[in-house]
Amino acid sequence: MPFTVEPSGDVIVIKVHAKRLDAYLAPEFKARLIYLVQSGHERIVIDMAALEFIDSSGLGALIAGLKALGGHGEIVLCGIAPRLLSLFQLTHVDKLLHIFDNVEEAVSRLATSA
């Protein structure tokens, strides 16, 4: 399974197990993310610790999830490798989605913003 979804209180944690979030996996990831938002989940952490590569399709899936929230809630990222962090900064995705070092920090931040 390329990713799993686990609740942590009222926060949902999506753990990406795949090494690549690209045109092959992005449509499934996007559909799952939008489904979670449409199901009423407004605080989502995406754990990208296993991720080694993300392309424009993967970035687009993240943005689609954010748009699905419609300003009601938050999606945050964590566990991003330094070389991927530079991509998020270059594309300004880091301005749209907060980035944390680990799941615990991200969940704690979202839980206190409720």
N, C-alpha and C. Protein backbone atom coordinates (compact mmCIF):
# COMPACT_ATOMS: atom_id res chain seq x y z
N MET A 1 0.85 -1.18 0.00
CA MET A 1 0.00 0.00 0.00
C MET A 1 0.90 1.25 0.00
N PRO A 2 0.68 2.15 -0.95
CA PRO A 2 1.56 3.33 -1.06
C PRO A 2 1.37 4.36 0.05
N PHE A 3 0.21 4.33 0.71
CA PHE A 3 -0.01 5.26 1.83
C PHE A 3 -1.10 4.71 2.73
N THR A 4 -1.05 5.13 4.00
CA THR A 4 -2.06 4.70 4.97
C THR A 4 -2.65 5.93 5.63
N VAL A 5 -3.84 5.77 6.17
CA VAL A 5 -4.53 6.86 6.85
C VAL A 5 -4.85 6.40 8.27
N GLU A 6 -4.44 7.21 9.25
CA GLU A 6 -4.68 6.88 10.64
C GLU A 6 -5.18 8.12 11.38
N PRO A 7 -6.19 7.95 12.24
CA PRO A 7 -6.63 9.08 13.05
C PRO A 7 -5.69 9.28 14.24
N SER A 8 -5.54 10.53 14.63
CA SER A 8 -4.81 10.89 15.85
C SER A 8 -5.65 11.96 16.53
N GLY A 9 -6.61 11.53 17.34
CA GLY A 9 -7.59 12.46 17.89
C GLY A 9 -8.47 12.94 16.75
N ASP A 10 -8.62 14.26 16.61
CA ASP A 10 -9.42 14.79 15.51
C ASP A 10 -8.57 15.18 14.31
N VAL A 11 -7.32 14.74 14.32
CA VAL A 11 -6.40 14.97 13.21
C VAL A 11 -6.23 13.65 12.45
N ILE A 12 -6.18 13.74 11.13
CA ILE A 12 -5.93 12.57 10.29
C ILE A 12 -4.48 12.62 9.83
N VAL A 13 -3.78 11.50 9.95
CA VAL A 13 -2.39 11.41 9.49
C VAL A 13 -2.33 10.48 8.28
N ILE A 14 -1.88 11.03 7.17
CA ILE A 14 -1.66 10.24 5.96
C ILE A 14 -0.16 9.97 5.90
N LYS A 15 0.21 8.71 5.96
CA LYS A 15 1.62 8.35 5.89
C LYS A 15 1.91 7.82 4.49
N VAL A 16 2.79 8.52 3.78
CA VAL A 16 3.19 8.10 2.44
C VAL A 16 4.30 7.07 2.59
N HIS A 17 4.06 5.85 2.11
CA HIS A 17 5.06 4.79 2.18
C HIS A 17 5.88 4.68 0.90
N ALA A 18 5.37 5.25 -0.17
CA ALA A 18 6.05 5.19 -1.46
C ALA A 18 7.28 6.10 -1.46
N LYS A 19 8.24 5.75 -2.29
CA LYS A 19 9.43 6.59 -2.44
C LYS A 19 9.19 7.73 -3.44
N ARG A 20 8.18 7.53 -4.29
CA ARG A 20 7.89 8.53 -5.33
C ARG A 20 6.40 8.90 -5.32
N LEU A 21 6.14 10.20 -5.34
CA LEU A 21 4.78 10.70 -5.53
C LEU A 21 4.79 11.41 -6.87
N ASP A 22 4.50 10.64 -7.91
CA ASP A 22 4.61 11.14 -9.27
C ASP A 22 3.32 10.87 -10.04
N ALA A 23 3.38 11.01 -11.35
CA ALA A 23 2.18 10.87 -12.19
C ALA A 23 1.53 9.50 -12.03
N TYR A 24 2.27 8.49 -11.62
CA TYR A 24 1.71 7.16 -11.43
C TYR A 24 0.84 7.10 -10.17
N LEU A 25 1.32 7.64 -9.06
CA LEU A 25 0.63 7.53 -7.78
C LEU A 25 -0.23 8.76 -7.45
N ALA A 26 0.09 9.91 -8.01
CA ALA A 26 -0.59 11.16 -7.65
C ALA A 26 -2.11 11.12 -7.81
N PRO A 27 -2.66 10.54 -8.89
CA PRO A 27 -4.13 10.52 -9.01
C PRO A 27 -4.82 9.78 -7.85
N GLU A 28 -4.26 8.66 -7.44
CA GLU A 28 -4.83 7.90 -6.32
C GLU A 28 -4.69 8.69 -5.02
N PHE A 29 -3.53 9.30 -4.83
CA PHE A 29 -3.29 10.10 -3.63
C PHE A 29 -4.25 11.30 -3.58
N LYS A 30 -4.39 11.98 -4.70
CA LYS A 30 -5.29 13.13 -4.78
C LYS A 30 -6.73 12.73 -4.49
N ALA A 31 -7.18 11.63 -5.08
CA ALA A 31 -8.56 11.17 -4.86
C ALA A 31 -8.79 10.85 -3.38
N ARG A 32 -7.83 10.20 -2.75
CA ARG A 32 -7.96 9.84 -1.33
C ARG A 32 -7.98 11.09 -0.46
N LEU A 33 -7.11 12.05 -0.77
CA LEU A 33 -7.04 13.29 0.00
C LEU A 33 -8.35 14.07 -0.12
N ILE A 34 -8.86 14.20 -1.32
CA ILE A 34 -10.12 14.92 -1.53
C ILE A 34 -11.28 14.17 -0.87
N TYR A 35 -11.27 12.85 -0.93
CA TYR A 35 -12.30 12.05 -0.25
C TYR A 35 -12.30 12.34 1.25
N LEU A 36 -11.12 12.38 1.86
CA LEU A 36 -11.02 12.65 3.29
C LEU A 36 -11.58 14.03 3.63
N VAL A 37 -11.25 15.01 2.81
CA VAL A 37 -11.75 16.37 3.03
C VAL A 37 -13.27 16.40 2.88
N GLN A 38 -13.78 15.78 1.84
CA GLN A 38 -15.23 15.76 1.62
C GLN A 38 -15.96 14.96 2.68
N SER A 39 -15.25 14.08 3.37
CA SER A 39 -15.84 13.30 4.46
C SER A 39 -15.85 14.07 5.78
N GLY A 40 -15.37 15.32 5.74
CA GLY A 40 -15.44 16.17 6.92
C GLY A 40 -14.14 16.35 7.69
N HIS A 41 -13.06 15.76 7.23
CA HIS A 41 -11.78 15.93 7.92
C HIS A 41 -11.16 17.26 7.52
N GLU A 42 -10.91 18.10 8.52
CA GLU A 42 -10.40 19.44 8.24
C GLU A 42 -8.98 19.67 8.75
N ARG A 43 -8.43 18.71 9.46
CA ARG A 43 -7.05 18.82 9.96
C ARG A 43 -6.30 17.56 9.53
N ILE A 44 -5.38 17.75 8.57
CA ILE A 44 -4.70 16.61 7.96
C ILE A 44 -3.19 16.84 7.99
N VAL A 45 -2.48 15.82 8.47
CA VAL A 45 -1.02 15.79 8.46
C VAL A 45 -0.60 14.79 7.39
N ILE A 46 0.32 15.17 6.52
CA ILE A 46 0.86 14.26 5.53
C ILE A 46 2.32 14.00 5.87
N ASP A 47 2.60 12.75 6.27
CA ASP A 47 3.94 12.34 6.66
C ASP A 47 4.69 11.86 5.42
N MET A 48 5.71 12.61 5.03
CA MET A 48 6.46 12.31 3.80
C MET A 48 7.87 11.79 4.09
N ALA A 49 8.07 11.19 5.25
CA ALA A 49 9.41 10.74 5.66
C ALA A 49 10.01 9.72 4.69
N ALA A 50 9.20 8.87 4.08
CA ALA A 50 9.71 7.85 3.16
C ALA A 50 9.90 8.38 1.73
N LEU A 51 9.36 9.56 1.47
CA LEU A 51 9.36 10.10 0.11
C LEU A 51 10.75 10.58 -0.31
N GLU A 52 11.16 10.15 -1.51
CA GLU A 52 12.45 10.58 -2.07
C GLU A 52 12.29 11.47 -3.29
N PHE A 53 11.10 11.44 -3.90
CA PHE A 53 10.88 12.20 -5.13
C PHE A 53 9.42 12.61 -5.21
N ILE A 54 9.20 13.84 -5.66
CA ILE A 54 7.84 14.32 -5.94
C ILE A 54 7.91 15.16 -7.20
N ASP A 55 6.96 14.95 -8.10
CA ASP A 55 6.93 15.75 -9.32
C ASP A 55 5.74 16.70 -9.30
N SER A 56 5.49 17.37 -10.41
CA SER A 56 4.42 18.36 -10.46
C SER A 56 3.05 17.73 -10.22
N SER A 57 2.88 16.46 -10.58
CA SER A 57 1.61 15.77 -10.32
C SER A 57 1.39 15.60 -8.82
N GLY A 58 2.45 15.26 -8.11
CA GLY A 58 2.37 15.12 -6.66
C GLY A 58 2.10 16.46 -5.99
N LEU A 59 2.79 17.50 -6.44
CA LEU A 59 2.54 18.83 -5.90
C LEU A 59 1.10 19.26 -6.19
N GLY A 60 0.63 18.95 -7.39
CA GLY A 60 -0.74 19.28 -7.77
C GLY A 60 -1.77 18.58 -6.89
N ALA A 61 -1.48 17.34 -6.51
CA ALA A 61 -2.39 16.60 -5.63
C ALA A 61 -2.49 17.28 -4.27
N LEU A 62 -1.36 17.76 -3.74
CA LEU A 62 -1.36 18.48 -2.47
C LEU A 62 -2.20 19.76 -2.56
N ILE A 63 -2.01 20.50 -3.64
CA ILE A 63 -2.75 21.75 -3.83
C ILE A 63 -4.23 21.48 -4.01
N ALA A 64 -4.58 20.41 -4.71
CA ALA A 64 -5.99 20.04 -4.89
C ALA A 64 -6.65 19.75 -3.54
N GLY A 65 -5.92 19.07 -2.67
CA GLY A 65 -6.45 18.81 -1.33
C GLY A 65 -6.67 20.09 -0.56
N LEU A 66 -5.72 21.00 -0.67
CA LEU A 66 -5.85 22.29 -0.01
C LEU A 66 -7.04 23.07 -0.55
N LYS A 67 -7.22 23.07 -1.85
CA LYS A 67 -8.37 23.76 -2.45
C LYS A 67 -9.68 23.12 -2.02
N ALA A 68 -9.70 21.81 -1.87
CA ALA A 68 -10.92 21.10 -1.44
C ALA A 68 -11.35 21.57 -0.05
N LEU A 69 -10.38 21.95 0.78
CA LEU A 69 -10.72 22.45 2.12
C LEU A 69 -11.49 23.77 2.04
N GLY A 70 -11.26 24.53 1.01
CA GLY A 70 -11.97 25.79 0.84
C GLY A 70 -11.75 26.78 1.98
N GLY A 71 -10.58 26.75 2.58
CA GLY A 71 -10.28 27.68 3.67
C GLY A 71 -10.78 27.23 5.03
N HIS A 72 -11.39 26.05 5.10
CA HIS A 72 -11.92 25.52 6.36
C HIS A 72 -11.06 24.36 6.81
N GLY A 73 -10.01 24.64 7.55
CA GLY A 73 -9.12 23.59 8.02
C GLY A 73 -7.71 23.82 7.53
N GLU A 74 -6.90 22.78 7.68
CA GLU A 74 -5.49 22.92 7.32
C GLU A 74 -4.89 21.57 6.97
N ILE A 75 -4.01 21.59 6.00
CA ILE A 75 -3.19 20.44 5.66
C ILE A 75 -1.76 20.86 5.94
N VAL A 76 -1.02 20.04 6.68
CA VAL A 76 0.39 20.31 6.95
C VAL A 76 1.22 19.11 6.54
N LEU A 77 2.50 19.36 6.31
CA LEU A 77 3.42 18.33 5.88
C LEU A 77 4.47 18.11 6.95
N CYS A 78 5.06 16.92 6.97
CA CYS A 78 6.16 16.66 7.89
C CYS A 78 7.08 15.59 7.33
N GLY A 79 8.28 15.52 7.91
CA GLY A 79 9.24 14.49 7.55
C GLY A 79 9.84 14.65 6.17
N ILE A 80 9.93 15.86 5.68
CA ILE A 80 10.40 16.10 4.32
C ILE A 80 11.93 16.10 4.27
N ALA A 81 12.50 15.31 3.36
CA ALA A 81 13.94 15.25 3.17
C ALA A 81 14.45 16.62 2.70
N PRO A 82 15.68 16.98 3.08
CA PRO A 82 16.22 18.30 2.70
C PRO A 82 16.16 18.60 1.20
N ARG A 83 16.45 17.62 0.36
CA ARG A 83 16.43 17.91 -1.09
C ARG A 83 15.02 18.16 -1.59
N LEU A 84 14.02 17.55 -0.95
CA LEU A 84 12.64 17.83 -1.32
C LEU A 84 12.19 19.17 -0.75
N LEU A 85 12.70 19.50 0.41
CA LEU A 85 12.35 20.79 1.02
C LEU A 85 12.73 21.93 0.09
N SER A 86 13.87 21.82 -0.57
CA SER A 86 14.28 22.89 -1.49
C SER A 86 13.30 23.01 -2.65
N LEU A 87 12.71 21.90 -3.10
CA LEU A 87 11.70 21.94 -4.16
C LEU A 87 10.44 22.65 -3.66
N PHE A 88 10.02 22.34 -2.44
CA PHE A 88 8.84 22.99 -1.86
C PHE A 88 9.08 24.50 -1.73
N GLN A 89 10.30 24.89 -1.41
CA GLN A 89 10.63 26.31 -1.29
C GLN A 89 10.68 26.97 -2.66
N LEU A 90 11.28 26.31 -3.62
CA LEU A 90 11.39 26.84 -4.97
C LEU A 90 10.02 27.06 -5.61
N THR A 91 9.09 26.15 -5.35
CA THR A 91 7.74 26.24 -5.93
C THR A 91 6.77 27.02 -5.03
N HIS A 92 7.26 27.48 -3.88
CA HIS A 92 6.48 28.26 -2.90
C HIS A 92 5.35 27.46 -2.25
N VAL A 93 5.41 26.15 -2.36
CA VAL A 93 4.42 25.31 -1.68
C VAL A 93 4.58 25.47 -0.16
N ASP A 94 5.79 25.75 0.29
CA ASP A 94 6.03 25.95 1.73
C ASP A 94 5.30 27.18 2.26
N LYS A 95 4.85 28.07 1.38
CA LYS A 95 4.06 29.24 1.79
C LYS A 95 2.58 28.87 1.94
N LEU A 96 2.16 27.79 1.30
CA LEU A 96 0.76 27.35 1.34
C LEU A 96 0.51 26.29 2.40
N LEU A 97 1.49 25.44 2.64
CA LEU A 97 1.36 24.33 3.57
C LEU A 97 2.48 24.41 4.60
N HIS A 98 2.13 24.47 5.87
CA HIS A 98 3.16 24.49 6.91
C HIS A 98 3.92 23.17 6.90
N ILE A 99 5.20 23.25 7.20
CA ILE A 99 6.06 22.07 7.21
C ILE A 99 6.65 21.90 8.59
N PHE A 100 6.53 20.69 9.13
CA PHE A 100 7.06 20.36 10.46
C PHE A 100 8.08 19.24 10.33
N ASP A 101 8.89 19.09 11.36
CA ASP A 101 9.94 18.08 11.34
C ASP A 101 9.40 16.66 11.43
N ASN A 102 8.35 16.45 12.25
CA ASN A 102 7.86 15.09 12.47
C ASN A 102 6.35 15.09 12.73
N VAL A 103 5.79 13.90 12.75
CA VAL A 103 4.35 13.72 12.92
C VAL A 103 3.87 14.30 14.24
N GLU A 104 4.60 14.02 15.32
CA GLU A 104 4.18 14.47 16.64
C GLU A 104 4.04 15.99 16.70
N GLU A 105 5.03 16.69 16.15
CA GLU A 105 5.00 18.15 16.13
C GLU A 105 3.82 18.66 15.30
N ALA A 106 3.60 18.05 14.15
CA ALA A 106 2.51 18.46 13.27
C ALA A 106 1.15 18.23 13.88
N VAL A 107 0.96 17.05 14.47
CA VAL A 107 -0.32 16.73 15.11
C VAL A 107 -0.56 17.67 16.28
N SER A 108 0.47 17.93 17.07
CA SER A 108 0.34 18.83 18.20
C SER A 108 -0.08 20.22 17.74
N ARG A 109 0.49 20.70 16.67
CA ARG A 109 0.17 22.03 16.12
C ARG A 109 -1.28 22.08 15.65
N LEU A 110 -1.72 21.05 14.95
CA LEU A 110 -3.10 21.05 14.45
C LEU A 110 -4.10 20.86 15.58
N ALA A 111 -3.76 20.06 16.56
CA ALA A 111 -4.67 19.82 17.68
C ALA A 111 -4.88 21.09 18.48
N THR A 112 -3.85 21.92 18.60
CA THR A 112 -3.98 23.17 19.37
C THR A 112 -4.65 24.27 18.56
N SER A 113 -4.74 24.09 17.24
CA SER A 113 -5.37 25.13 16.42
C SER A 113 -6.87 24.92 16.28
N ALA A 114 -7.38 23.89 16.93
CA ALA A 114 -8.82 23.57 16.81
C ALA A 114 -9.68 24.63 17.45
